């Protein structure tokens, strides 16, 4: 599949595990939160192209393999590996494997 043509999101679930309101912790960060998400994806799942303009964080694969597409580069991430995301990140991911993949993301998110 072409890196420039991302598929529709299918077979991916995102579940918020924890959230900390950073505005109550750091005065200079009104409208920001620290979030941890659990994202299982079925075999042949994909997520549409996304740009993380309002967040920065990291993703770690816990199970299976996730294929990341960004800037014409395709990278495979297996258990224990992951990638950073910042406000300039434009990418999409898929599970090309035959087993479910699970990733956890930890992000600082601006709500405004």
N, C-alpha and C. Protein backbone atom coordinates (compact mmCIF):
# COMPACT_ATOMS: atom_id res chain seq x y z
N UNK A 1 0.84 -1.18 0.00
CA UNK A 1 0.00 0.00 0.00
C UNK A 1 0.89 1.25 0.00
N UNK A 2 0.51 2.23 -0.77
CA UNK A 2 1.26 3.47 -0.91
C UNK A 2 1.29 4.24 0.41
N UNK A 3 2.48 4.72 0.80
CA UNK A 3 2.64 5.47 2.04
C UNK A 3 1.80 6.74 2.03
N UNK A 4 1.56 7.32 0.87
CA UNK A 4 0.82 8.58 0.79
C UNK A 4 -0.69 8.39 0.86
N UNK A 5 -1.18 7.17 0.66
CA UNK A 5 -2.61 6.90 0.69
C UNK A 5 -2.93 6.02 1.89
N UNK A 6 -3.35 6.64 2.96
CA UNK A 6 -3.67 5.89 4.18
C UNK A 6 -5.08 5.34 4.09
N UNK A 7 -5.29 4.13 4.59
CA UNK A 7 -6.62 3.55 4.59
C UNK A 7 -7.50 4.16 5.67
N UNK A 8 -8.78 3.84 5.64
CA UNK A 8 -9.69 4.22 6.71
C UNK A 8 -9.31 3.43 7.96
N UNK A 9 -9.62 3.97 9.12
CA UNK A 9 -9.36 3.25 10.36
C UNK A 9 -10.30 2.06 10.47
N UNK A 10 -9.72 0.88 10.79
CA UNK A 10 -10.53 -0.32 11.00
C UNK A 10 -9.79 -1.25 11.94
N UNK A 11 -10.52 -1.93 12.81
CA UNK A 11 -9.93 -2.94 13.68
C UNK A 11 -9.07 -2.42 14.81
N UNK A 12 -9.16 -1.11 15.12
CA UNK A 12 -8.35 -0.51 16.18
C UNK A 12 -9.26 0.05 17.26
N UNK A 13 -8.93 -0.21 18.50
CA UNK A 13 -9.67 0.31 19.65
C UNK A 13 -8.71 1.12 20.50
N UNK A 14 -9.16 2.27 21.00
CA UNK A 14 -8.33 3.07 21.91
C UNK A 14 -9.08 3.21 23.22
N UNK A 15 -8.44 2.81 24.30
CA UNK A 15 -9.05 2.87 25.63
C UNK A 15 -8.16 3.72 26.54
N UNK A 16 -8.71 4.78 27.09
CA UNK A 16 -7.98 5.64 28.01
C UNK A 16 -7.77 4.89 29.32
N UNK A 17 -6.51 4.74 29.73
CA UNK A 17 -6.18 4.05 30.98
C UNK A 17 -6.05 5.00 32.15
N UNK A 18 -5.48 6.18 31.91
CA UNK A 18 -5.26 7.14 32.98
C UNK A 18 -5.14 8.54 32.40
N UNK A 19 -5.51 9.52 33.21
CA UNK A 19 -5.42 10.91 32.78
C UNK A 19 -5.07 11.77 33.99
N UNK A 20 -4.11 12.66 33.83
CA UNK A 20 -3.74 13.63 34.86
C UNK A 20 -3.94 15.01 34.27
N UNK A 21 -4.74 15.84 34.92
CA UNK A 21 -4.96 17.22 34.48
C UNK A 21 -3.72 18.03 34.84
N UNK A 22 -2.92 18.35 33.84
CA UNK A 22 -1.66 19.06 34.11
C UNK A 22 -1.89 20.51 34.53
N UNK A 23 -3.04 21.09 34.18
CA UNK A 23 -3.31 22.47 34.59
C UNK A 23 -3.33 22.59 36.10
N UNK A 24 -3.77 21.54 36.78
CA UNK A 24 -3.79 21.59 38.25
C UNK A 24 -2.41 21.28 38.85
N UNK A 25 -1.50 20.77 38.03
CA UNK A 25 -0.16 20.42 38.48
C UNK A 25 0.89 21.46 38.09
N UNK A 26 0.72 22.04 36.89
CA UNK A 26 1.69 23.00 36.35
C UNK A 26 0.93 24.22 35.86
N UNK A 27 1.01 25.33 36.55
CA UNK A 27 0.23 26.53 36.21
C UNK A 27 0.42 27.00 34.78
N UNK A 28 1.60 26.83 34.23
CA UNK A 28 1.88 27.32 32.88
C UNK A 28 1.25 26.45 31.79
N UNK A 29 0.57 25.35 32.17
CA UNK A 29 0.00 24.43 31.17
C UNK A 29 -1.51 24.33 31.27
N UNK A 30 -2.24 25.44 31.18
CA UNK A 30 -3.70 25.33 31.23
C UNK A 30 -4.21 24.55 30.02
N UNK A 31 -5.21 23.73 30.25
CA UNK A 31 -5.80 22.96 29.15
C UNK A 31 -5.00 21.75 28.72
N UNK A 32 -3.96 21.39 29.47
CA UNK A 32 -3.13 20.24 29.09
C UNK A 32 -3.38 19.07 30.03
N UNK A 33 -3.21 17.87 29.49
CA UNK A 33 -3.33 16.66 30.32
C UNK A 33 -2.26 15.66 29.92
N UNK A 34 -1.98 14.76 30.83
CA UNK A 34 -1.04 13.67 30.62
C UNK A 34 -1.91 12.42 30.51
N UNK A 35 -1.86 11.73 29.36
CA UNK A 35 -2.76 10.62 29.10
C UNK A 35 -2.00 9.35 28.76
N UNK A 36 -2.56 8.23 29.18
CA UNK A 36 -2.02 6.92 28.84
C UNK A 36 -3.15 6.12 28.19
N UNK A 37 -2.92 5.66 26.95
CA UNK A 37 -3.92 4.92 26.18
C UNK A 37 -3.44 3.52 25.87
N UNK A 38 -4.35 2.58 25.84
CA UNK A 38 -4.13 1.18 25.47
C UNK A 38 -4.80 1.01 24.12
N UNK A 39 -4.10 0.50 23.10
CA UNK A 39 -4.68 0.36 21.77
C UNK A 39 -4.44 -1.03 21.20
N UNK A 40 -5.38 -1.94 21.40
CA UNK A 40 -5.26 -3.24 20.72
C UNK A 40 -5.72 -3.11 19.27
N UNK A 41 -5.10 -3.85 18.38
CA UNK A 41 -5.52 -3.85 16.98
C UNK A 41 -5.51 -5.27 16.45
N UNK A 42 -6.54 -5.60 15.71
CA UNK A 42 -6.67 -6.94 15.14
C UNK A 42 -5.75 -7.10 13.93
N UNK A 43 -5.48 -8.35 13.53
CA UNK A 43 -4.71 -8.55 12.29
C UNK A 43 -5.39 -7.81 11.14
N UNK A 44 -4.60 -7.20 10.28
CA UNK A 44 -5.05 -6.42 9.13
C UNK A 44 -5.73 -5.11 9.53
N UNK A 45 -5.56 -4.68 10.78
CA UNK A 45 -6.12 -3.40 11.22
C UNK A 45 -5.26 -2.26 10.70
N UNK A 46 -5.86 -1.07 10.62
CA UNK A 46 -5.11 0.11 10.22
C UNK A 46 -5.74 1.33 10.85
N UNK A 47 -4.94 2.39 10.98
CA UNK A 47 -5.48 3.67 11.44
C UNK A 47 -5.18 4.70 10.38
N UNK A 48 -6.14 5.55 10.14
CA UNK A 48 -6.01 6.58 9.11
C UNK A 48 -4.87 7.53 9.45
N UNK A 49 -4.38 8.21 8.43
CA UNK A 49 -3.30 9.19 8.62
C UNK A 49 -3.70 10.18 9.70
N UNK A 50 -2.78 10.45 10.61
CA UNK A 50 -3.06 11.40 11.68
C UNK A 50 -1.90 12.35 11.85
N UNK A 51 -2.24 13.56 12.23
CA UNK A 51 -1.22 14.56 12.54
C UNK A 51 -1.44 14.93 14.00
N UNK A 52 -0.41 14.81 14.79
CA UNK A 52 -0.52 15.03 16.23
C UNK A 52 -0.19 16.48 16.57
N UNK A 53 -1.04 17.42 16.11
CA UNK A 53 -0.76 18.84 16.28
C UNK A 53 -0.94 19.32 17.72
N UNK A 54 -1.66 18.57 18.54
CA UNK A 54 -1.96 19.03 19.89
C UNK A 54 -1.38 18.12 20.95
N UNK A 55 -0.39 17.31 20.59
CA UNK A 55 0.17 16.41 21.60
C UNK A 55 1.61 16.05 21.28
N UNK A 56 2.27 15.53 22.29
CA UNK A 56 3.62 14.99 22.14
C UNK A 56 3.71 13.79 23.07
N UNK A 57 4.37 12.75 22.62
CA UNK A 57 4.48 11.58 23.47
C UNK A 57 5.25 10.45 22.83
N UNK A 58 5.04 9.27 23.37
CA UNK A 58 5.70 8.08 22.85
C UNK A 58 4.71 6.93 22.77
N UNK A 59 5.00 5.99 21.89
CA UNK A 59 4.20 4.78 21.72
C UNK A 59 5.13 3.59 21.90
N UNK A 60 4.67 2.56 22.60
CA UNK A 60 5.45 1.35 22.80
C UNK A 60 4.58 0.15 22.44
N UNK A 61 5.10 -0.74 21.61
CA UNK A 61 4.39 -1.95 21.23
C UNK A 61 4.63 -3.01 22.30
N UNK A 62 3.54 -3.58 22.81
CA UNK A 62 3.64 -4.61 23.85
C UNK A 62 3.53 -6.01 23.27
N UNK A 63 2.79 -6.15 22.18
CA UNK A 63 2.52 -7.47 21.59
C UNK A 63 2.34 -7.31 20.08
N UNK A 64 2.77 -8.29 19.31
CA UNK A 64 2.59 -8.24 17.87
C UNK A 64 3.57 -7.28 17.21
N UNK A 65 3.22 -6.86 16.01
CA UNK A 65 4.06 -5.94 15.23
C UNK A 65 3.19 -4.85 14.64
N UNK A 66 3.63 -3.62 14.76
CA UNK A 66 2.96 -2.47 14.17
C UNK A 66 3.86 -1.92 13.07
N UNK A 67 3.29 -1.63 11.91
CA UNK A 67 4.02 -1.04 10.79
C UNK A 67 3.65 0.43 10.73
N UNK A 68 4.65 1.30 10.83
CA UNK A 68 4.47 2.75 10.82
C UNK A 68 4.87 3.30 9.46
N UNK A 69 4.03 4.18 8.89
CA UNK A 69 4.30 4.81 7.59
C UNK A 69 4.42 6.31 7.81
N UNK A 70 5.62 6.86 7.54
CA UNK A 70 5.78 8.32 7.63
C UNK A 70 6.93 8.77 6.75
N UNK A 71 6.72 9.89 6.09
CA UNK A 71 7.76 10.51 5.24
C UNK A 71 8.34 9.53 4.23
N UNK A 72 7.50 8.63 3.68
CA UNK A 72 7.97 7.68 2.69
C UNK A 72 8.78 6.53 3.26
N UNK A 73 8.85 6.43 4.59
CA UNK A 73 9.62 5.37 5.25
C UNK A 73 8.66 4.45 5.98
N UNK A 74 8.84 3.15 5.79
CA UNK A 74 8.02 2.14 6.46
C UNK A 74 8.90 1.45 7.49
N UNK A 75 8.45 1.44 8.75
CA UNK A 75 9.23 0.86 9.84
C UNK A 75 8.37 -0.12 10.62
N UNK A 76 8.94 -1.29 10.91
CA UNK A 76 8.26 -2.32 11.70
C UNK A 76 8.70 -2.19 13.16
N UNK A 77 7.72 -2.20 14.08
CA UNK A 77 8.00 -2.15 15.51
C UNK A 77 7.39 -3.37 16.18
N UNK A 78 8.22 -4.14 16.87
CA UNK A 78 7.76 -5.32 17.60
C UNK A 78 7.72 -5.04 19.08
N UNK A 79 7.45 -6.05 19.89
CA UNK A 79 7.34 -5.86 21.34
C UNK A 79 8.59 -5.20 21.94
N UNK A 80 8.34 -4.20 22.78
CA UNK A 80 9.43 -3.48 23.44
C UNK A 80 9.97 -2.32 22.65
N UNK A 81 9.53 -2.17 21.41
CA UNK A 81 9.99 -1.06 20.56
C UNK A 81 8.86 -0.07 20.36
N UNK A 82 9.22 1.14 19.98
CA UNK A 82 8.20 2.16 19.74
C UNK A 82 8.77 3.38 19.07
N UNK A 83 8.00 4.44 19.06
CA UNK A 83 8.37 5.65 18.35
C UNK A 83 7.88 6.88 19.09
N UNK A 84 8.55 8.01 18.87
CA UNK A 84 8.09 9.28 19.44
C UNK A 84 7.09 9.94 18.49
N UNK A 85 6.25 10.79 19.05
CA UNK A 85 5.35 11.60 18.26
C UNK A 85 5.40 13.02 18.81
N UNK A 86 5.40 14.01 17.90
CA UNK A 86 5.35 15.41 18.33
C UNK A 86 4.37 16.14 17.42
N UNK A 87 4.30 17.45 17.56
CA UNK A 87 3.30 18.22 16.82
C UNK A 87 3.52 18.20 15.31
N UNK A 88 4.65 17.72 14.85
CA UNK A 88 4.94 17.65 13.41
C UNK A 88 4.73 16.25 12.83
N UNK A 89 4.40 15.27 13.68
CA UNK A 89 4.26 13.89 13.23
C UNK A 89 3.02 13.73 12.35
N UNK A 90 3.23 13.23 11.14
CA UNK A 90 2.15 12.91 10.20
C UNK A 90 2.42 11.49 9.73
N UNK A 91 1.54 10.55 10.12
CA UNK A 91 1.81 9.16 9.81
C UNK A 91 0.53 8.34 9.87
N UNK A 92 0.64 7.07 9.50
CA UNK A 92 -0.44 6.11 9.74
C UNK A 92 0.20 4.78 10.05
N UNK A 93 -0.56 3.92 10.75
CA UNK A 93 -0.02 2.63 11.18
C UNK A 93 -0.96 1.50 10.80
N UNK A 94 -0.39 0.29 10.74
CA UNK A 94 -1.20 -0.89 10.45
C UNK A 94 -0.60 -2.11 11.13
N UNK A 95 -1.44 -3.13 11.28
CA UNK A 95 -1.01 -4.41 11.80
C UNK A 95 -1.02 -5.37 10.61
N UNK A 96 0.14 -5.64 10.04
CA UNK A 96 0.26 -6.55 8.90
C UNK A 96 0.36 -8.01 9.34
N UNK A 97 0.44 -8.23 10.64
CA UNK A 97 0.66 -9.56 11.18
C UNK A 97 -0.59 -10.43 11.20
N UNK A 98 -0.41 -11.63 11.71
CA UNK A 98 -1.51 -12.59 11.82
C UNK A 98 -2.02 -12.70 13.25
N UNK A 99 -1.41 -11.97 14.18
CA UNK A 99 -1.85 -11.96 15.57
C UNK A 99 -2.21 -10.53 15.98
N UNK A 100 -3.07 -10.37 16.97
CA UNK A 100 -3.39 -9.03 17.44
C UNK A 100 -2.13 -8.31 17.94
N UNK A 101 -2.09 -7.01 17.73
CA UNK A 101 -1.00 -6.19 18.24
C UNK A 101 -1.57 -5.28 19.33
N UNK A 102 -0.75 -4.95 20.30
CA UNK A 102 -1.16 -4.06 21.38
C UNK A 102 -0.08 -3.01 21.55
N UNK A 103 -0.51 -1.76 21.62
CA UNK A 103 0.43 -0.67 21.88
C UNK A 103 -0.11 0.19 23.01
N UNK A 104 0.81 0.83 23.72
CA UNK A 104 0.45 1.78 24.77
C UNK A 104 1.08 3.11 24.38
N UNK A 105 0.29 4.17 24.45
CA UNK A 105 0.84 5.50 24.18
C UNK A 105 0.71 6.36 25.43
N UNK A 106 1.71 7.16 25.66
CA UNK A 106 1.73 8.10 26.78
C UNK A 106 1.98 9.47 26.17
N UNK A 107 1.02 10.38 26.36
CA UNK A 107 1.06 11.68 25.67
C UNK A 107 0.74 12.84 26.59
N UNK A 108 1.29 13.99 26.25
CA UNK A 108 0.86 15.26 26.81
C UNK A 108 -0.05 15.86 25.75
N UNK A 109 -1.31 16.15 26.12
CA UNK A 109 -2.32 16.60 25.17
C UNK A 109 -2.87 17.95 25.59
N UNK A 110 -2.95 18.88 24.64
CA UNK A 110 -3.58 20.18 24.88
C UNK A 110 -5.04 20.09 24.46
N UNK A 111 -5.95 20.47 25.35
CA UNK A 111 -7.37 20.39 25.06
C UNK A 111 -7.93 21.64 24.38
N UNK A 112 -7.23 22.76 24.44
CA UNK A 112 -7.78 23.98 23.84
C UNK A 112 -7.43 24.11 22.39
